[in-house]
Amino acid sequence: MEYLWGHARRFNDYSSYIKKTFNGRVQKVSVDAGFSCPNRDGSKGTGGCTFCNNSTFNPAYCGEGNSITQQIDTGIAVFAHKYKTQRYLAYFQAYSNTYAHLDVLKERYREALEHPQVIGIVIGTRPDCISDELLDYLAELNKNYHVTVEYGIESTLNTTLLKINRGHNYESGQEAIMKTAHAGINVGAHLILGLPGESRDDVLRHAREMSALPLDYLKLHQLQLVRGSAMGEAYLKNQNDVHLYAVDEYIELVVDFLEILNPGIVMERFISQSPKELLIAPQWGLKNFEFVAKVEKRLKERDTWQGKLFVAQRTIP
């Protein structure tokens, strides 16, 4: 059985997309380029998002003082013994990687792209940290390299975004995704499922909202409470304030989400994995590939797939 994306898996998976797009293996290598966020430095607030400790995003090789080139070299060394011929995407992951003057951004992106094994960049950022001038520059880069911008949307509910000290509303996320797509740049989004106060119906609303946008990729994350985050530290004091999904409950939610999601959106991940020393809860003890196998098993048991219940909506202008 072949689905819309041309293979037999029951969801539009990222690894198959990468192999088809690049005709071979391509691996992301994380880069910490020394940026910050506007809800940390006082521009829009302080303390950052209540769920966030950026140490959960950075591999050990993204150490302080290492240049972008050094980080890429060290990251490649982690993978090179397994796949000697694969190419790499430099993943600007920590904090908001468009939050600086354009000249600074150009310098740091260019350093990554000058690495002989790097064929593109993936830029993680916030929707309120993008400009028309930057999109014009990225569109030019995209003519010769693979360029993706990933936006932390986290929720489509403004009440939630306010509660987690995000510092922007959902409408700014819609606008940034539309502008990026119109510029011809690959665009992705991140959502956290299980943020405080959000119901199952709210989560499925997220799926419908994402389906109405010109997204290439989507990442889902379960809510994780980590040390050093405001939400994690509050949880240690009162564990009754936050509902955390059990793994089977979350799998059902992911399957429900996939059923109504636009089948053209590539699913990059379903869960995230925080370092053990930082993770407070939930303690699932599952690696990403193990969770994916459970989702696929449940999709088969329910005889369903990504987009089975998808209803096309007018794309937001």
Protein backbone atom coordinates (compact mmCIF):
# COMPACT_ATOMS: atom_id res chain seq x y z
CA MET A 1 0.00 0.00 0.00
CA GLU A 2 1.41 3.38 -1.02
CA TYR A 3 0.28 6.60 0.56
CA LEU A 4 0.38 10.10 -0.88
CA TRP A 5 4.12 10.45 -0.17
CA GLY A 6 5.00 7.35 -2.23
CA HIS A 7 6.01 4.72 0.35
CA ALA A 8 4.35 2.19 2.60
CA ARG A 9 4.86 3.84 6.00
CA ARG A 10 1.69 5.18 7.56
CA PHE A 11 3.05 8.65 8.09
CA ASN A 12 5.12 11.03 5.99
CA ASP A 13 8.47 10.40 7.65
CA TYR A 14 11.53 12.64 7.58
CA SER A 15 14.18 9.99 6.95
CA SER A 16 12.47 8.81 3.76
CA TYR A 17 12.03 12.42 2.65
CA ILE A 18 15.74 13.14 3.19
CA LYS A 19 16.88 10.07 1.24
CA LYS A 20 14.55 10.91 -1.63
CA THR A 21 15.50 14.61 -1.67
CA PHE A 22 19.27 14.17 -1.47
CA ASN A 23 19.63 10.69 -2.97
CA GLY A 24 21.66 9.56 0.05
CA ARG A 25 22.30 10.09 3.74
CA VAL A 26 22.27 13.58 5.21
CA GLN A 27 22.77 14.20 8.92
CA LYS A 28 22.12 17.29 11.02
CA VAL A 29 25.01 18.59 13.11
CA SER A 30 24.05 20.96 15.93
CA VAL A 31 25.65 24.38 16.22
CA ASP A 32 25.48 26.87 19.09
CA ALA A 33 26.26 30.22 17.47
CA GLY A 34 26.00 32.28 20.65
CA PHE A 35 22.58 33.87 20.19
CA SER A 36 19.97 34.75 22.82
CA CYS A 37 16.18 35.28 22.84
CA PRO A 38 14.07 38.45 23.20
CA ASN A 39 12.18 36.98 26.16
CA ARG A 40 15.48 36.46 27.99
CA ASP A 41 17.39 39.69 27.45
CA GLY A 42 14.61 42.08 28.45
CA SER A 43 13.55 43.04 24.94
CA LYS A 44 10.23 41.25 25.44
CA GLY A 45 10.73 39.75 28.86
CA THR A 46 13.13 37.90 31.11
CA GLY A 47 13.55 34.30 32.19
CA GLY A 48 12.75 32.77 28.80
CA CYS A 49 9.96 30.30 28.13
CA THR A 50 8.84 28.55 31.31
CA PHE A 51 9.48 25.07 29.83
CA CYS A 52 12.96 25.86 28.53
CA ASN A 53 16.48 25.03 29.61
CA ASN A 54 18.58 25.40 26.47
CA SER A 55 21.15 22.94 27.81
CA THR A 56 18.69 20.22 26.78
CA PHE A 57 19.21 21.14 23.11
CA ASN A 58 23.00 21.19 22.92
CA PRO A 59 25.23 18.13 22.45
CA ALA A 60 28.45 18.22 24.47
CA TYR A 61 30.50 19.27 21.44
CA CYS A 62 28.65 22.63 21.33
CA GLY A 63 30.80 23.78 24.22
CA GLU A 64 31.44 27.40 25.09
CA GLY A 65 34.36 28.84 23.17
CA ASN A 66 34.23 26.39 20.27
CA SER A 67 33.91 28.07 16.89
CA ILE A 68 31.15 27.06 14.49
CA THR A 69 33.71 25.23 12.36
CA GLN A 70 35.09 23.37 15.40
CA GLN A 71 31.60 22.34 16.46
CA ILE A 72 30.82 21.02 12.98
CA ASP A 73 34.12 19.11 12.82
CA THR A 74 33.47 17.51 16.21
CA GLY A 75 29.87 16.71 15.35
CA ILE A 76 30.87 15.09 12.06
CA ALA A 77 33.42 12.96 13.91
CA VAL A 78 30.55 11.47 15.94
CA PHE A 79 28.85 10.17 12.78
CA ALA A 80 31.70 9.71 10.30
CA HIS A 81 32.77 6.24 11.49
CA LYS A 82 29.31 4.91 10.64
CA TYR A 83 28.64 6.71 7.39
CA LYS A 84 31.80 7.90 5.66
CA THR A 85 30.10 9.31 2.57
CA GLN A 86 27.19 11.16 4.11
CA ARG A 87 26.76 14.92 3.93
CA TYR A 88 25.64 17.33 6.64
CA LEU A 89 23.27 20.14 7.47
CA ALA A 90 24.48 22.64 10.08
CA TYR A 91 21.64 22.91 12.60
CA PHE A 92 21.57 26.28 14.38
CA GLN A 93 19.51 24.98 17.28
CA ALA A 94 20.10 26.71 20.61
CA TYR A 95 18.12 29.88 21.37
CA SER A 96 16.81 32.15 18.55
CA ASN A 97 19.19 31.91 15.61
CA THR A 98 17.91 34.90 13.68
CA TYR A 99 18.10 37.24 16.67
CA ALA A 100 21.02 39.49 15.70
CA HIS A 101 22.00 42.12 13.16
CA LEU A 102 21.87 40.85 9.58
CA ASP A 103 25.64 41.23 9.13
CA VAL A 104 26.26 39.00 12.15
CA LEU A 105 23.81 36.40 10.87
CA LYS A 106 25.44 36.35 7.43
CA GLU A 107 28.89 35.85 8.96
CA ARG A 108 27.79 32.91 11.11
CA TYR A 109 25.72 31.17 8.45
CA ARG A 110 28.54 31.59 5.94
CA GLU A 111 31.09 30.02 8.29
CA ALA A 112 28.93 26.91 8.48
CA LEU A 113 28.32 26.78 4.73
CA GLU A 114 32.04 27.11 3.97
CA HIS A 115 32.64 23.73 5.59
CA PRO A 116 33.34 21.28 2.74
CA GLN A 117 30.94 18.62 4.02
CA VAL A 118 28.03 20.96 4.78
CA ILE A 119 25.38 21.28 2.07
CA GLY A 120 22.90 23.48 3.90
CA ILE A 121 21.69 25.03 7.12
CA VAL A 122 18.68 24.55 9.37
CA ILE A 123 17.85 27.62 11.43
CA GLY A 124 15.79 27.27 14.58
CA THR A 125 14.15 30.52 15.68
CA ARG A 126 11.03 32.36 16.82
CA PRO A 127 8.43 33.88 14.50
CA ASP A 128 8.99 37.35 15.96
CA CYS A 129 12.71 37.26 15.08
CA ILE A 130 12.46 37.28 11.30
CA SER A 131 12.67 40.16 8.83
CA ASP A 132 12.01 40.66 5.13
CA GLU A 133 15.69 41.48 4.61
CA LEU A 134 16.78 38.21 6.21
CA LEU A 135 14.26 36.22 4.17
CA ASP A 136 15.60 37.85 1.00
CA TYR A 137 19.13 36.81 1.97
CA LEU A 138 18.08 33.25 2.84
CA ALA A 139 16.21 32.98 -0.46
CA GLU A 140 19.48 33.81 -2.26
CA LEU A 141 21.38 31.23 -0.21
CA ASN A 142 18.68 28.70 -1.01
CA LYS A 143 19.63 28.85 -4.70
CA ASN A 144 22.92 27.07 -3.94
CA TYR A 145 22.33 25.40 -0.57
CA HIS A 146 19.52 23.65 1.25
CA VAL A 147 18.05 26.22 3.65
CA THR A 148 15.33 25.51 6.21
CA VAL A 149 13.85 27.80 8.85
CA GLU A 150 12.17 26.09 11.83
CA TYR A 151 9.82 28.16 13.94
CA GLY A 152 9.01 27.42 17.55
CA ILE A 153 5.23 27.81 17.47
CA GLU A 154 4.68 25.58 20.57
CA SER A 155 0.90 26.25 20.73
CA THR A 156 -1.84 27.80 18.60
CA LEU A 157 -3.56 29.19 21.72
CA ASN A 158 -2.61 32.71 22.73
CA THR A 159 -3.67 32.03 26.31
CA THR A 160 -1.07 29.26 26.49
CA LEU A 161 1.64 31.35 24.82
CA LEU A 162 1.08 34.08 27.39
CA LYS A 163 1.14 31.57 30.25
CA ILE A 164 4.48 30.08 29.18
CA ASN A 165 6.10 33.53 28.74
CA ARG A 166 6.59 32.99 25.02
CA GLY A 167 6.52 36.70 24.20
CA HIS A 168 4.65 36.44 20.90
CA ASN A 169 1.19 35.37 19.75
CA TYR A 170 0.09 32.66 17.35
CA GLU A 171 -0.75 35.14 14.61
CA SER A 172 2.93 36.10 14.35
CA GLY A 173 3.69 32.40 13.81
CA GLN A 174 1.18 32.20 10.97
CA GLU A 175 2.64 35.29 9.34
CA ALA A 176 6.26 34.10 9.62
CA ILE A 177 5.46 30.69 8.14
CA MET A 178 3.55 32.26 5.24
CA LYS A 179 6.31 34.76 4.47
CA THR A 180 9.01 32.10 4.60
CA ALA A 181 7.09 29.76 2.30
CA HIS A 182 6.36 32.60 -0.14
CA ALA A 183 10.11 33.32 -0.25
CA GLY A 184 10.66 29.76 -1.49
CA ILE A 185 12.45 28.65 1.68
CA ASN A 186 11.79 25.30 3.36
CA VAL A 187 9.82 25.92 6.54
CA GLY A 188 9.11 23.84 9.63
CA ALA A 189 7.32 24.27 12.94
CA HIS A 190 7.61 22.90 16.47
CA LEU A 191 4.67 22.13 18.75
CA ILE A 192 4.64 20.95 22.36
CA LEU A 193 1.77 18.61 23.17
CA GLY A 194 0.57 18.69 26.77
CA LEU A 195 1.27 22.26 27.79
CA PRO A 196 -0.57 23.18 31.02
CA GLY A 197 -4.28 23.75 30.58
CA GLU A 198 -4.53 22.31 27.06
CA SER A 199 -7.08 19.56 26.42
CA ARG A 200 -7.14 16.81 23.79
CA ASP A 201 -9.46 19.01 21.71
CA ASP A 202 -6.95 21.86 21.94
CA VAL A 203 -4.19 19.57 20.67
CA LEU A 204 -6.30 18.44 17.73
CA ARG A 205 -6.99 22.09 16.98
CA HIS A 206 -3.23 22.49 16.65
CA ALA A 207 -3.28 19.78 13.95
CA ARG A 208 -5.98 21.59 11.99
CA GLU A 209 -4.19 24.92 12.31
CA MET A 210 -0.89 23.45 11.11
CA SER A 211 -2.69 21.77 8.21
CA ALA A 212 -3.91 25.14 6.94
CA LEU A 213 -0.34 26.50 6.68
CA PRO A 214 2.25 25.91 3.92
CA LEU A 215 4.50 23.81 6.16
CA ASP A 216 7.12 21.43 4.83
CA TYR A 217 7.98 19.85 8.20
CA LEU A 218 6.53 19.48 11.67
CA LYS A 219 8.14 18.44 14.94
CA LEU A 220 6.06 17.30 17.89
CA HIS A 221 7.42 17.21 21.44
CA GLN A 222 5.82 15.83 24.55
CA LEU A 223 5.91 18.25 27.47
CA GLN A 224 9.07 17.49 29.40
CA LEU A 225 9.85 19.07 32.74
CA VAL A 226 13.55 19.75 33.10
CA ARG A 227 15.79 21.10 35.81
CA GLY A 228 16.67 24.75 35.39
CA SER A 229 13.33 25.64 33.78
CA ALA A 230 10.67 27.63 35.63
CA MET A 231 8.06 24.96 34.94
CA GLY A 232 10.35 22.15 36.05
CA GLU A 233 11.31 23.83 39.30
CA ALA A 234 7.64 24.61 40.07
CA TYR A 235 6.78 20.96 39.43
CA LEU A 236 9.32 19.82 42.00
CA LYS A 237 7.45 21.89 44.58
CA ASN A 238 3.92 20.85 43.55
CA GLN A 239 3.47 17.90 41.23
CA ASN A 240 -0.31 18.27 41.09
CA ASP A 241 -0.20 21.42 38.96
CA VAL A 242 0.72 19.74 35.63
CA HIS A 243 -0.78 16.75 33.82
CA LEU A 244 1.92 14.67 32.14
CA TYR A 245 1.01 12.08 29.54
CA ALA A 246 1.69 8.42 30.15
CA VAL A 247 3.40 6.93 27.11
CA ASP A 248 0.37 4.94 25.87
CA GLU A 249 -1.89 7.96 26.34
CA TYR A 250 0.52 10.10 24.33
CA ILE A 251 0.73 7.51 21.55
CA GLU A 252 -3.06 7.61 21.16
CA LEU A 253 -2.93 11.39 21.03
CA VAL A 254 -0.22 11.33 18.33
CA VAL A 255 -2.27 8.89 16.25
CA ASP A 256 -5.37 11.08 16.62
CA PHE A 257 -3.24 14.08 15.62
CA LEU A 258 -1.82 12.33 12.55
CA GLU A 259 -5.24 11.24 11.32
CA ILE A 260 -6.38 14.83 10.80
CA LEU A 261 -3.03 16.31 9.78
CA ASN A 262 -2.34 17.36 6.20
CA PRO A 263 -0.61 14.30 4.68
CA GLY A 264 1.79 16.53 2.74
CA ILE A 265 3.56 17.69 5.92
CA VAL A 266 6.71 15.72 6.67
CA MET A 267 6.82 14.50 10.27
CA GLU A 268 10.31 15.08 11.60
CA ARG A 269 9.74 13.73 15.10
CA PHE A 270 7.08 12.81 17.67
CA ILE A 271 9.06 13.15 20.90
CA SER A 272 12.14 14.84 22.26
CA GLN A 273 14.74 13.34 24.58
CA SER A 274 16.22 15.54 27.27
CA PRO A 275 19.48 14.52 28.94
CA LYS A 276 18.88 12.14 31.85
CA GLU A 277 20.62 14.41 34.32
CA LEU A 278 18.20 17.25 33.48
CA LEU A 279 14.94 15.38 32.95
CA ILE A 280 12.50 15.44 35.88
CA ALA A 281 9.44 13.91 34.19
CA PRO A 282 7.96 12.05 32.40
CA GLN A 283 10.44 9.18 32.64
CA TRP A 284 9.42 7.01 29.69
CA GLY A 285 12.77 5.35 29.09
CA LEU A 286 12.18 5.19 25.33
CA LYS A 287 14.54 6.19 22.55
CA ASN A 288 13.11 7.99 19.55
CA PHE A 289 13.18 4.95 17.24
CA GLU A 290 11.43 2.83 19.89
CA PHE A 291 8.64 5.38 20.20
CA VAL A 292 8.25 5.59 16.41
CA ALA A 293 7.86 1.81 16.28
CA LYS A 294 5.07 1.99 18.85
CA VAL A 295 3.29 4.71 16.86
CA GLU A 296 3.54 2.67 13.67
CA LYS A 297 2.21 -0.40 15.46
CA ARG A 298 -0.76 1.56 16.77
CA LEU A 299 -1.47 3.10 13.35
CA LYS A 300 -1.60 -0.39 11.89
CA GLU A 301 -3.82 -1.71 14.71
CA ARG A 302 -6.27 1.11 14.11
CA ASP A 303 -5.92 0.79 10.32
CA THR A 304 -5.27 4.49 10.03
CA TRP A 305 -2.60 6.83 8.68
CA GLN A 306 -1.54 10.45 8.45
CA GLY A 307 -4.28 12.41 6.74
CA LYS A 308 -6.96 9.72 6.79
CA LEU A 309 -9.42 12.22 8.28
CA PHE A 310 -7.78 15.32 6.82
CA VAL A 311 -10.19 17.96 5.55
CA ALA A 312 -8.60 20.56 3.29
CA GLN A 313 -9.05 24.13 4.48
CA ARG A 314 -8.35 27.42 2.80
CA THR A 315 -4.71 28.32 3.34
CA ILE A 316 -4.40 31.38 5.53
CA PRO A 317 -3.65 34.43 3.32
